[in-house]
Amino acid sequence: MFEFLHHDLEQRAELQGISMADVLDLPEPLSTAIKRMVRGRSVLLSEFAADLGLSSDEARALGVVLAEKGYLIYAERKHSDEEIYRARFARVQGRNLPAAIWETLDT
């Protein structure tokens, strides 16, 4: 499983953060693991490894690739060696609404 996920991630382009479409495009179990982070939760390396069904070393290697590709942000805990992973969200693009939007909605 590790080789498959690692190879898949290496083939992906770098992002400046993820959208839900990006998460849904990931293979399982990676998609499910990242959805957990998208729900606003930071995840410990041990939890990330358990979600993926991989060893801590394999999960750490995937975490490094995911951070390099712009999917995740990771940092070490202050009182432990264990990393914490969070989803890195893409910036929302502003929308240019027409000046007559209210007139359009009133009809």
N, C-alpha and C. Protein backbone atom coordinates (compact mmCIF):
# COMPACT_ATOMS: atom_id res chain seq x y z
N MET A 1 0.83 -1.20 0.00
CA MET A 1 0.00 0.00 0.00
C MET A 1 0.87 1.25 0.00
N PHE A 2 1.94 1.24 0.80
CA PHE A 2 2.81 2.41 0.88
C PHE A 2 3.37 2.77 -0.49
N GLU A 3 3.87 1.77 -1.21
CA GLU A 3 4.48 2.04 -2.52
C GLU A 3 3.46 2.66 -3.48
N PHE A 4 2.23 2.13 -3.46
CA PHE A 4 1.17 2.64 -4.32
C PHE A 4 0.87 4.11 -4.00
N LEU A 5 0.68 4.42 -2.71
CA LEU A 5 0.35 5.79 -2.31
C LEU A 5 1.51 6.75 -2.59
N HIS A 6 2.71 6.31 -2.29
CA HIS A 6 3.89 7.15 -2.52
C HIS A 6 4.04 7.46 -4.01
N HIS A 7 3.90 6.46 -4.84
CA HIS A 7 4.01 6.66 -6.28
C HIS A 7 2.92 7.60 -6.79
N ASP A 8 1.69 7.41 -6.33
CA ASP A 8 0.58 8.27 -6.74
C ASP A 8 0.86 9.72 -6.37
N LEU A 9 1.34 9.96 -5.16
CA LEU A 9 1.61 11.32 -4.70
C LEU A 9 2.76 11.96 -5.47
N GLU A 10 3.77 11.18 -5.78
CA GLU A 10 4.93 11.71 -6.52
C GLU A 10 4.52 12.18 -7.91
N GLN A 11 3.47 11.58 -8.48
CA GLN A 11 3.02 11.95 -9.83
C GLN A 11 2.16 13.20 -9.84
N ARG A 12 1.69 13.63 -8.70
CA ARG A 12 0.78 14.78 -8.62
C ARG A 12 1.55 16.10 -8.65
N ALA A 13 0.90 17.12 -9.19
CA ALA A 13 1.48 18.46 -9.24
C ALA A 13 1.43 19.10 -7.86
N GLU A 14 2.32 20.05 -7.63
CA GLU A 14 2.30 20.81 -6.38
C GLU A 14 1.09 21.74 -6.36
N LEU A 15 0.52 21.91 -5.18
CA LEU A 15 -0.64 22.78 -4.99
C LEU A 15 -0.29 23.86 -3.98
N GLN A 16 -1.05 24.91 -3.98
CA GLN A 16 -0.94 25.95 -2.96
C GLN A 16 -2.07 25.77 -1.96
N GLY A 17 -2.27 24.55 -1.51
CA GLY A 17 -3.36 24.21 -0.61
C GLY A 17 -4.36 23.35 -1.35
N ILE A 18 -5.24 22.73 -0.58
CA ILE A 18 -6.19 21.78 -1.18
C ILE A 18 -7.62 22.30 -1.11
N SER A 19 -8.40 21.77 -2.02
CA SER A 19 -9.85 21.98 -2.00
C SER A 19 -10.48 20.61 -1.76
N MET A 20 -11.76 20.58 -1.54
CA MET A 20 -12.42 19.29 -1.32
C MET A 20 -12.33 18.42 -2.56
N ALA A 21 -12.33 19.02 -3.74
CA ALA A 21 -12.18 18.25 -4.98
C ALA A 21 -10.83 17.53 -5.00
N ASP A 22 -9.79 18.19 -4.52
CA ASP A 22 -8.46 17.57 -4.45
C ASP A 22 -8.47 16.38 -3.50
N VAL A 23 -9.14 16.53 -2.37
CA VAL A 23 -9.21 15.45 -1.38
C VAL A 23 -9.94 14.25 -1.96
N LEU A 24 -11.06 14.51 -2.64
CA LEU A 24 -11.84 13.41 -3.20
C LEU A 24 -11.12 12.70 -4.33
N ASP A 25 -10.15 13.36 -4.95
CA ASP A 25 -9.38 12.77 -6.03
C ASP A 25 -8.27 11.85 -5.53
N LEU A 26 -7.96 11.90 -4.25
CA LEU A 26 -6.91 11.06 -3.68
C LEU A 26 -7.39 9.61 -3.55
N PRO A 27 -6.47 8.65 -3.65
CA PRO A 27 -6.86 7.25 -3.48
C PRO A 27 -7.15 6.95 -2.01
N GLU A 28 -7.95 5.93 -1.79
CA GLU A 28 -8.20 5.45 -0.42
C GLU A 28 -6.97 4.68 0.03
N PRO A 29 -6.63 4.69 1.27
CA PRO A 29 -7.26 5.31 2.44
C PRO A 29 -6.80 6.74 2.68
N LEU A 30 -6.00 7.29 1.79
CA LEU A 30 -5.47 8.64 1.95
C LEU A 30 -6.59 9.68 1.95
N SER A 31 -7.57 9.50 1.09
CA SER A 31 -8.69 10.44 1.02
C SER A 31 -9.42 10.51 2.37
N THR A 32 -9.67 9.37 2.96
CA THR A 32 -10.37 9.32 4.25
C THR A 32 -9.53 9.97 5.35
N ALA A 33 -8.23 9.71 5.35
CA ALA A 33 -7.35 10.29 6.37
C ALA A 33 -7.30 11.81 6.26
N ILE A 34 -7.26 12.33 5.05
CA ILE A 34 -7.21 13.79 4.87
C ILE A 34 -8.57 14.42 5.19
N LYS A 35 -9.66 13.73 4.88
CA LYS A 35 -11.00 14.24 5.23
C LYS A 35 -11.09 14.45 6.74
N ARG A 36 -10.47 13.59 7.50
CA ARG A 36 -10.47 13.72 8.96
C ARG A 36 -9.80 15.04 9.36
N MET A 37 -8.73 15.39 8.66
CA MET A 37 -8.04 16.65 8.94
C MET A 37 -8.85 17.84 8.46
N VAL A 38 -9.55 17.69 7.34
CA VAL A 38 -10.36 18.78 6.79
C VAL A 38 -11.47 19.17 7.76
N ARG A 39 -11.92 18.23 8.52
CA ARG A 39 -12.99 18.50 9.48
C ARG A 39 -12.50 19.37 10.64
N GLY A 40 -11.29 19.91 10.50
CA GLY A 40 -10.80 20.86 11.50
C GLY A 40 -9.96 20.26 12.58
N ARG A 41 -9.51 19.06 12.38
CA ARG A 41 -8.76 18.39 13.41
C ARG A 41 -7.29 18.25 13.05
N SER A 42 -6.43 18.55 13.97
CA SER A 42 -5.03 18.19 13.81
C SER A 42 -4.91 16.71 14.15
N VAL A 43 -4.02 16.03 13.47
CA VAL A 43 -3.88 14.59 13.65
C VAL A 43 -2.43 14.26 13.98
N LEU A 44 -2.23 13.46 15.00
CA LEU A 44 -0.90 13.00 15.36
C LEU A 44 -0.40 11.99 14.33
N LEU A 45 0.91 11.86 14.23
CA LEU A 45 1.51 10.89 13.32
C LEU A 45 0.97 9.49 13.57
N SER A 46 0.84 9.10 14.82
CA SER A 46 0.35 7.76 15.15
C SER A 46 -1.08 7.56 14.65
N GLU A 47 -1.92 8.60 14.73
CA GLU A 47 -3.29 8.52 14.23
C GLU A 47 -3.30 8.46 12.71
N PHE A 48 -2.45 9.26 12.07
CA PHE A 48 -2.34 9.27 10.62
C PHE A 48 -1.91 7.89 10.12
N ALA A 49 -0.92 7.30 10.79
CA ALA A 49 -0.44 5.97 10.43
C ALA A 49 -1.56 4.93 10.59
N ALA A 50 -2.31 5.02 11.67
CA ALA A 50 -3.41 4.08 11.90
C ALA A 50 -4.49 4.24 10.83
N ASP A 51 -4.82 5.48 10.47
CA ASP A 51 -5.82 5.73 9.42
C ASP A 51 -5.40 5.11 8.09
N LEU A 52 -4.09 5.16 7.82
CA LEU A 52 -3.58 4.64 6.55
C LEU A 52 -3.26 3.15 6.62
N GLY A 53 -3.19 2.59 7.82
CA GLY A 53 -2.81 1.19 7.97
C GLY A 53 -1.33 0.97 7.65
N LEU A 54 -0.51 1.97 7.99
CA LEU A 54 0.92 1.92 7.70
C LEU A 54 1.72 2.08 8.98
N SER A 55 3.02 1.82 8.89
CA SER A 55 3.90 2.06 10.03
C SER A 55 4.10 3.57 10.19
N SER A 56 4.61 3.98 11.34
CA SER A 56 4.87 5.40 11.57
C SER A 56 5.89 5.95 10.59
N ASP A 57 6.91 5.16 10.27
CA ASP A 57 7.93 5.62 9.32
C ASP A 57 7.34 5.82 7.93
N GLU A 58 6.47 4.90 7.50
CA GLU A 58 5.84 5.03 6.19
C GLU A 58 4.89 6.23 6.16
N ALA A 59 4.11 6.40 7.23
CA ALA A 59 3.19 7.54 7.31
C ALA A 59 3.96 8.85 7.34
N ARG A 60 5.09 8.89 8.04
CA ARG A 60 5.93 10.09 8.08
C ARG A 60 6.44 10.42 6.68
N ALA A 61 6.88 9.40 5.94
CA ALA A 61 7.37 9.62 4.57
C ALA A 61 6.27 10.17 3.68
N LEU A 62 5.06 9.65 3.81
CA LEU A 62 3.93 10.19 3.03
C LEU A 62 3.60 11.61 3.47
N GLY A 63 3.69 11.88 4.78
CA GLY A 63 3.44 13.22 5.29
C GLY A 63 4.41 14.24 4.72
N VAL A 64 5.67 13.83 4.56
CA VAL A 64 6.67 14.73 3.97
C VAL A 64 6.30 15.04 2.52
N VAL A 65 5.92 14.03 1.76
CA VAL A 65 5.54 14.25 0.35
C VAL A 65 4.28 15.11 0.27
N LEU A 66 3.30 14.83 1.13
CA LEU A 66 2.07 15.62 1.13
C LEU A 66 2.34 17.08 1.49
N ALA A 67 3.27 17.33 2.40
CA ALA A 67 3.63 18.71 2.75
C ALA A 67 4.36 19.37 1.58
N GLU A 68 5.26 18.65 0.94
CA GLU A 68 5.97 19.20 -0.22
C GLU A 68 5.02 19.52 -1.36
N LYS A 69 3.99 18.72 -1.53
CA LYS A 69 3.02 18.92 -2.61
C LYS A 69 1.96 19.96 -2.26
N GLY A 70 1.94 20.44 -1.02
CA GLY A 70 1.01 21.50 -0.64
C GLY A 70 -0.31 21.01 -0.06
N TYR A 71 -0.41 19.73 0.28
CA TYR A 71 -1.64 19.19 0.83
C TYR A 71 -1.73 19.37 2.35
N LEU A 72 -0.59 19.25 3.02
CA LEU A 72 -0.57 19.27 4.48
C LEU A 72 0.43 20.27 5.02
N ILE A 73 0.23 20.59 6.29
CA ILE A 73 1.18 21.34 7.10
C ILE A 73 1.51 20.43 8.27
N TYR A 74 2.78 20.32 8.59
CA TYR A 74 3.11 19.52 9.76
C TYR A 74 4.11 20.24 10.65
N ALA A 75 4.07 19.88 11.92
CA ALA A 75 4.97 20.47 12.90
C ALA A 75 5.19 19.45 14.00
N GLU A 76 6.27 19.61 14.75
CA GLU A 76 6.51 18.73 15.88
C GLU A 76 5.80 19.26 17.11
N ARG A 77 5.36 18.34 17.94
CA ARG A 77 4.77 18.74 19.22
C ARG A 77 5.87 19.26 20.12
N LYS A 78 5.53 20.16 20.98
CA LYS A 78 6.53 20.75 21.86
C LYS A 78 7.05 19.77 22.91
N HIS A 79 6.21 18.86 23.37
CA HIS A 79 6.60 17.95 24.44
C HIS A 79 6.81 16.53 23.96
N SER A 80 6.98 16.36 22.66
CA SER A 80 7.11 15.01 22.09
C SER A 80 7.79 15.11 20.73
N ASP A 81 8.26 13.99 20.24
CA ASP A 81 8.86 13.95 18.91
C ASP A 81 7.81 13.77 17.83
N GLU A 82 6.60 13.44 18.23
CA GLU A 82 5.57 13.08 17.26
C GLU A 82 5.05 14.29 16.52
N GLU A 83 4.98 14.16 15.20
CA GLU A 83 4.49 15.25 14.37
C GLU A 83 2.98 15.39 14.47
N ILE A 84 2.52 16.59 14.17
CA ILE A 84 1.09 16.88 14.07
C ILE A 84 0.85 17.32 12.63
N TYR A 85 -0.20 16.78 12.02
CA TYR A 85 -0.54 17.11 10.64
C TYR A 85 -1.87 17.85 10.59
N ARG A 86 -1.92 18.85 9.71
CA ARG A 86 -3.16 19.58 9.45
C ARG A 86 -3.30 19.76 7.95
N ALA A 87 -4.53 19.84 7.50
CA ALA A 87 -4.78 20.10 6.08
C ALA A 87 -4.37 21.54 5.77
N ARG A 88 -3.80 21.74 4.60
CA ARG A 88 -3.46 23.08 4.12
C ARG A 88 -4.50 23.46 3.08
N PHE A 89 -5.33 24.41 3.41
CA PHE A 89 -6.44 24.78 2.53
C PHE A 89 -6.01 25.79 1.48
N ALA A 90 -6.57 25.64 0.30
CA ALA A 90 -6.33 26.60 -0.78
C ALA A 90 -7.07 27.89 -0.46
N ARG A 91 -6.53 28.99 -0.93
CA ARG A 91 -7.21 30.27 -0.75
C ARG A 91 -8.44 30.30 -1.63
N VAL A 92 -9.49 30.85 -1.09
CA VAL A 92 -10.73 30.97 -1.85
C VAL A 92 -10.60 32.17 -2.77
N GLN A 93 -10.88 31.95 -4.02
CA GLN A 93 -10.81 33.03 -5.00
C GLN A 93 -12.03 33.92 -4.86
N GLY A 94 -11.82 35.23 -4.91
CA GLY A 94 -12.93 36.17 -4.85
C GLY A 94 -13.79 36.06 -6.10
N ARG A 95 -15.03 36.39 -5.96
CA ARG A 95 -15.94 36.33 -7.10
C ARG A 95 -16.35 37.75 -7.47
N ASN A 96 -16.31 38.04 -8.73
CA ASN A 96 -16.77 39.34 -9.21
C ASN A 96 -18.25 39.23 -9.56
N LEU A 97 -19.07 39.86 -8.75
CA LEU A 97 -20.51 39.83 -9.00
C LEU A 97 -20.89 41.02 -9.86
N PRO A 98 -21.85 40.82 -10.75
CA PRO A 98 -22.28 41.94 -11.59
C PRO A 98 -22.89 43.04 -10.73
N ALA A 99 -22.74 44.29 -11.19
CA ALA A 99 -23.26 45.44 -10.45
C ALA A 99 -24.77 45.38 -10.31
N ALA A 100 -25.44 44.77 -11.26
CA ALA A 100 -26.90 44.72 -11.25
C ALA A 100 -27.42 43.42 -10.62
N ILE A 101 -26.66 42.84 -9.71
CA ILE A 101 -27.06 41.56 -9.12
C ILE A 101 -28.41 41.67 -8.41
N TRP A 102 -28.63 42.74 -7.67
CA TRP A 102 -29.89 42.88 -6.93
C TRP A 102 -31.07 43.03 -7.87
N GLU A 103 -30.87 43.74 -8.96
CA GLU A 103 -31.94 43.89 -9.94
C GLU A 103 -32.26 42.54 -10.56
N THR A 104 -31.26 41.76 -10.83
CA THR A 104 -31.45 40.44 -11.40
C THR A 104 -32.20 39.54 -10.43
N LEU A 105 -31.87 39.62 -9.18
CA LEU A 105 -32.54 38.77 -8.17
C LEU A 105 -33.96 39.21 -7.89
N ASP A 106 -34.28 40.48 -8.09
CA ASP A 106 -35.63 40.97 -7.85
C ASP A 106 -36.61 40.51 -8.92
N THR A 107 -36.14 40.10 -10.07
CA THR A 107 -37.07 39.72 -11.14
C THR A 107 -37.48 38.29 -11.03
